[in-house]
Amino acid sequence: MRGLELFGQEQPRNRLLHNASLAEARLAGEDVEGAAAAAHSAMDLSAHLDSQRARARLRVLHTGFGARDTSVAREVCGRVEDILSA
């Protein structure tokens, strides 16, 4: 989290990628709620970017959350789908 704070409002793509990494790590630790919070932070930044790397990371998140059967996971998947189809 400290690394994200150091970016401030600069480097939105890097912040998105770091939030995606945080979400993946939390998913690996079965912290679906924490992973969802990080994923939503990443997705909030995606509106300002046109980055293939960022889109690829969102697809990875979609796969990870898609493997969980919770309302939080389904919400993240739905939002990722909306972003990727835009």
Protein backbone atom coordinates (compact mmCIF):
# COMPACT_ATOMS: atom_id res chain seq x y z
CA MET A 1 0.00 0.00 0.00
CA ARG A 2 2.86 2.38 0.75
CA GLY A 3 4.05 2.12 -2.85
CA LEU A 4 0.63 3.26 -4.06
CA GLU A 5 0.71 6.23 -1.73
CA LEU A 6 4.06 7.33 -3.14
CA PHE A 7 2.54 7.73 -6.60
CA GLY A 8 0.07 10.33 -5.33
CA GLN A 9 -2.11 11.31 -8.27
CA GLU A 10 0.69 10.76 -10.77
CA GLN A 11 1.17 7.76 -13.05
CA PRO A 12 -2.39 6.41 -13.26
CA ARG A 13 -1.35 3.36 -15.29
CA ASN A 14 1.24 2.34 -12.71
CA ARG A 15 -1.30 2.87 -9.93
CA LEU A 16 -3.79 0.71 -11.82
CA LEU A 17 -1.18 -2.04 -12.29
CA HIS A 18 -0.17 -1.92 -8.63
CA ASN A 19 -3.80 -2.09 -7.51
CA ALA A 20 -4.32 -5.06 -9.84
CA SER A 21 -1.28 -6.79 -8.30
CA LEU A 22 -2.63 -6.10 -4.83
CA ALA A 23 -6.01 -7.56 -5.84
CA GLU A 24 -4.32 -10.67 -7.23
CA ALA A 25 -2.28 -11.14 -4.05
CA ARG A 26 -5.35 -10.76 -1.86
CA LEU A 27 -7.26 -13.24 -4.00
CA ALA A 28 -4.42 -15.71 -3.63
CA GLY A 29 -4.80 -15.31 0.13
CA GLU A 30 -8.58 -15.83 -0.16
CA ASP A 31 -9.30 -12.25 0.95
CA VAL A 32 -12.04 -11.70 -1.63
CA GLU A 33 -13.35 -8.52 0.02
CA GLY A 34 -9.88 -6.93 0.14
CA ALA A 35 -9.18 -8.09 -3.39
CA ALA A 36 -12.42 -6.52 -4.58
CA ALA A 37 -11.53 -3.19 -2.98
CA ALA A 38 -8.16 -3.16 -4.76
CA ALA A 39 -9.79 -4.26 -8.02
CA HIS A 40 -12.33 -1.45 -7.83
CA SER A 41 -9.50 1.02 -7.26
CA ALA A 42 -7.79 -0.32 -10.38
CA MET A 43 -10.99 -0.11 -12.39
CA ASP A 44 -11.62 3.47 -11.24
CA LEU A 45 -8.34 4.38 -12.91
CA SER A 46 -9.09 2.48 -16.11
CA ALA A 47 -11.53 5.14 -17.32
CA HIS A 48 -8.61 7.49 -17.89
CA LEU A 49 -6.41 5.05 -19.77
CA ASP A 50 -6.17 3.34 -23.11
CA SER A 51 -3.54 0.76 -22.23
CA GLN A 52 -3.41 -2.79 -23.56
CA ARG A 53 -1.31 -3.80 -20.56
CA ALA A 54 -3.95 -2.45 -18.18
CA ARG A 55 -6.71 -4.22 -20.10
CA ALA A 56 -4.74 -7.47 -19.92
CA ARG A 57 -4.44 -7.14 -16.15
CA LEU A 58 -8.19 -6.55 -15.88
CA ARG A 59 -8.76 -9.77 -17.82
CA VAL A 60 -6.54 -11.60 -15.31
CA LEU A 61 -8.63 -10.16 -12.48
CA HIS A 62 -11.80 -11.27 -14.25
CA THR A 63 -10.46 -14.82 -14.40
CA GLY A 64 -9.47 -14.79 -10.73
CA PHE A 65 -12.76 -13.40 -9.50
CA GLY A 66 -14.67 -15.64 -11.90
CA ALA A 67 -13.34 -18.64 -9.99
CA ARG A 68 -15.13 -17.46 -6.84
CA ASP A 69 -18.86 -17.81 -6.29
CA THR A 70 -19.65 -14.75 -4.19
CA SER A 71 -21.70 -11.65 -4.87
CA VAL A 72 -18.59 -9.49 -4.46
CA ALA A 73 -16.72 -11.55 -7.05
CA ARG A 74 -19.65 -11.42 -9.47
CA GLU A 75 -19.83 -7.64 -9.04
CA VAL A 76 -16.15 -7.27 -9.92
CA CYS A 77 -16.56 -9.54 -12.94
CA GLY A 78 -19.51 -7.53 -14.18
CA ARG A 79 -17.66 -4.27 -13.85
CA VAL A 80 -14.59 -5.66 -15.63
CA GLU A 81 -16.82 -6.90 -18.45
CA ASP A 82 -18.38 -3.45 -18.79
CA ILE A 83 -14.97 -1.79 -18.94
CA LEU A 84 -13.54 -4.24 -21.45
CA SER A 85 -16.56 -4.01 -23.74
CA ALA A 86 -16.49 -0.20 -23.82
